[in-house]
Protein backbone atom coordinates (compact mmCIF):
# COMPACT_ATOMS: atom_id res chain seq x y z
CA MET A 1 169.22 -86.39 117.55
CA ARG A 2 169.91 -89.70 115.92
CA ARG A 3 173.20 -88.71 114.25
CA THR A 4 175.05 -87.16 117.16
CA ASP A 5 178.24 -87.18 115.09
CA ARG A 6 176.64 -84.42 112.97
CA GLU A 7 175.31 -82.36 115.86
CA ILE A 8 176.48 -78.77 116.20
CA LYS A 9 176.91 -78.38 119.94
CA GLU A 10 178.64 -75.05 120.39
CA PHE A 11 176.35 -72.01 120.78
CA ASP A 12 178.70 -69.80 118.74
CA GLN A 13 178.71 -72.33 115.89
CA LEU A 14 174.89 -72.40 115.89
CA LEU A 15 174.90 -68.61 115.63
CA ASP A 16 177.43 -68.76 112.78
CA VAL A 17 175.16 -71.07 110.79
CA MET A 18 172.15 -68.85 111.47
CA ARG A 19 174.02 -65.73 110.33
CA ARG A 20 174.81 -67.42 107.00
CA CYS A 21 171.17 -68.32 106.30
CA ASP A 22 168.94 -66.05 104.26
CA VAL A 23 165.52 -67.54 105.05
CA CYS A 24 163.93 -68.71 108.28
CA ARG A 25 160.93 -71.02 108.04
CA LEU A 26 158.47 -70.38 110.81
CA ALA A 27 155.96 -73.11 111.73
CA LEU A 28 152.80 -72.05 113.53
CA ASN A 29 150.03 -74.18 114.99
CA ASP A 30 146.93 -74.48 112.86
CA GLU A 31 143.75 -76.41 113.54
CA GLU A 32 144.65 -79.51 111.53
CA VAL A 33 148.20 -79.23 110.19
CA PRO A 34 151.14 -76.94 110.90
CA TYR A 35 151.22 -73.65 109.00
CA ILE A 36 154.73 -72.96 107.70
CA LEU A 37 156.06 -69.88 105.98
CA PRO A 38 159.46 -68.71 104.73
CA LEU A 39 160.50 -65.33 106.11
CA ASN A 40 163.35 -62.87 106.01
CA PHE A 41 164.74 -62.47 109.51
CA GLY A 42 167.17 -60.65 111.73
CA MET A 43 168.87 -62.16 114.76
CA GLU A 44 170.35 -60.88 117.97
CA VAL A 45 171.48 -62.45 121.22
CA ARG A 46 170.26 -60.92 124.49
CA ASP A 47 171.76 -62.27 127.69
CA GLY A 48 172.47 -65.60 125.99
CA THR A 49 168.99 -65.87 124.43
CA VAL A 50 168.46 -65.74 120.67
CA VAL A 51 165.74 -63.37 119.44
CA LEU A 52 164.62 -63.57 115.80
CA TYR A 53 162.87 -60.55 114.27
CA PHE A 54 160.50 -60.78 111.31
CA HIS A 55 158.38 -58.32 109.37
CA GLY A 56 155.33 -58.46 107.16
CA ALA A 57 152.17 -56.76 105.99
CA MET A 58 149.78 -55.37 108.57
CA GLU A 59 147.39 -58.33 108.39
CA GLY A 60 147.39 -61.93 107.27
CA THR A 61 146.91 -65.58 108.11
CA LYS A 62 150.11 -65.84 110.15
CA TYR A 63 148.87 -63.23 112.61
CA ASP A 64 145.58 -65.11 113.09
CA ARG A 65 147.57 -68.26 113.90
CA MET A 66 149.88 -66.39 116.28
CA ALA A 67 146.95 -64.82 118.12
CA ARG A 68 145.42 -68.25 118.64
CA ASP A 69 148.68 -69.91 119.78
CA ASN A 70 151.96 -68.03 120.11
CA ARG A 71 154.16 -71.13 120.32
CA ALA A 72 156.23 -71.61 117.17
CA ALA A 73 159.04 -73.65 115.68
CA PHE A 74 161.66 -72.50 113.20
CA GLU A 75 164.13 -73.99 110.74
CA MET A 76 166.91 -72.51 108.65
CA ASP A 77 169.59 -74.14 106.53
CA CYS A 78 172.53 -73.22 104.32
CA ALA A 79 175.79 -74.49 102.77
CA HIS A 80 174.01 -76.87 100.39
CA ARG A 81 176.13 -78.88 98.01
CA LEU A 82 175.23 -82.04 96.14
CA VAL A 83 177.98 -84.67 96.39
CA VAL A 84 177.98 -87.37 93.73
CA GLU A 85 180.40 -90.27 94.01
CA GLN A 86 180.89 -92.97 91.45
CA LYS A 87 182.53 -96.31 92.19
CA ASN A 88 182.43 -99.34 89.92
CA ASP A 89 179.79 -97.80 87.62
CA VAL A 90 177.46 -97.15 90.58
CA CYS A 91 176.51 -93.62 91.63
CA SER A 92 175.68 -92.51 95.11
CA CYS A 93 174.51 -89.05 96.13
CA THR A 94 174.38 -87.15 99.35
CA MET A 95 173.89 -83.53 100.31
CA GLU A 96 176.12 -81.29 102.37
CA TYR A 97 174.26 -78.84 104.60
CA GLU A 98 174.16 -76.99 107.89
CA SER A 99 170.87 -76.41 109.68
CA VAL A 100 169.38 -75.10 112.89
CA ILE A 101 165.92 -75.90 114.22
CA GLY A 102 164.26 -74.71 117.36
CA ARG A 103 161.21 -73.40 119.11
CA GLY A 104 160.03 -70.49 121.15
CA VAL A 105 157.31 -67.93 121.67
CA VAL A 106 156.22 -65.34 119.11
CA GLU A 107 155.01 -61.88 120.09
CA MET A 108 154.10 -58.73 118.23
CA VAL A 109 156.44 -55.76 118.58
CA GLU A 110 154.25 -52.73 119.31
CA ASP A 111 156.69 -50.25 120.84
CA GLU A 112 157.95 -47.91 118.08
CA GLU A 113 161.56 -47.90 119.27
CA GLU A 114 161.69 -51.69 119.54
CA LYS A 115 160.01 -51.95 116.15
CA PHE A 116 162.71 -49.69 114.68
CA HIS A 117 165.36 -51.76 116.46
CA GLY A 118 163.87 -55.01 115.10
CA LEU A 119 163.86 -53.69 111.53
CA THR A 120 167.44 -52.48 111.96
CA VAL A 121 168.48 -55.96 113.16
CA LEU A 122 166.64 -57.48 110.20
CA MET A 123 168.39 -55.15 107.73
CA GLY A 124 171.71 -56.12 109.32
CA GLN A 125 171.17 -59.76 108.34
CA TYR A 126 171.20 -58.83 104.64
CA HIS A 127 173.28 -55.63 104.50
CA LYS A 128 176.57 -55.95 106.31
CA GLU A 129 177.20 -52.24 105.90
CA ASP A 130 174.98 -49.64 107.57
CA CYS A 131 171.81 -49.39 105.49
CA PRO A 132 169.44 -46.75 106.86
CA PHE A 133 165.74 -46.97 106.00
CA SER A 134 162.86 -44.56 106.28
CA ARG A 135 160.88 -44.66 109.51
CA GLN A 136 157.80 -43.97 107.37
CA VAL A 137 157.69 -47.63 106.29
CA MET A 138 157.06 -48.61 109.92
CA ALA A 139 153.47 -47.36 109.69
CA ARG A 140 152.69 -50.03 107.10
CA THR A 141 154.97 -52.77 108.41
CA ARG A 142 154.24 -55.20 111.19
CA VAL A 143 157.18 -56.49 113.23
CA PHE A 144 157.14 -59.61 115.38
CA LYS A 145 159.78 -61.60 117.18
CA LEU A 146 160.46 -65.14 118.26
CA THR A 147 162.29 -65.56 121.55
CA VAL A 148 164.06 -68.90 121.18
CA SER A 149 163.71 -71.30 124.10
CA GLN A 150 165.46 -74.31 122.54
CA MET A 151 167.50 -75.00 119.40
CA THR A 152 169.73 -77.66 117.88
CA GLY A 153 172.00 -77.74 114.87
CA LYS A 154 173.23 -80.31 112.44
CA ARG A 155 176.04 -80.36 109.87
CA ARG A 156 176.95 -82.77 107.08
CA MET A 157 180.17 -81.99 105.24
CA LYS A 158 182.00 -84.55 103.11
CA ARG A 159 184.93 -82.24 102.25
């Protein structure tokens, strides 16, 4: 990282940023260029390893890419604020933000109990209170997870 003064080094701080994000962009390998998609996600930590859960329709391009190569990268960001400063009739702009990027391995969740668990974790990202859902939706919902092998964070705050 070029700007080490902006690096988020503490694991708990990385998790805090991730919990405040509402979209995770997942980048998959394609034949010519990366294939990137924004996804809702849920996150949990197992024995010090971050696991991100995602859901989607039963078929689609992303699953074809994952079957071909299950390595993936991710990015999420939050706390955006445009900062405009004016000095001597000259404007300068910068953006405040917090972000986490990383990589890992994607795999389909086939076991029904783990699938239910993954969807529960995902719901917990967006509903802080207990929000039960019907198990019937699981029959038409595909769940997959990214086990994170490496991640870094960055923060820019002018305040």
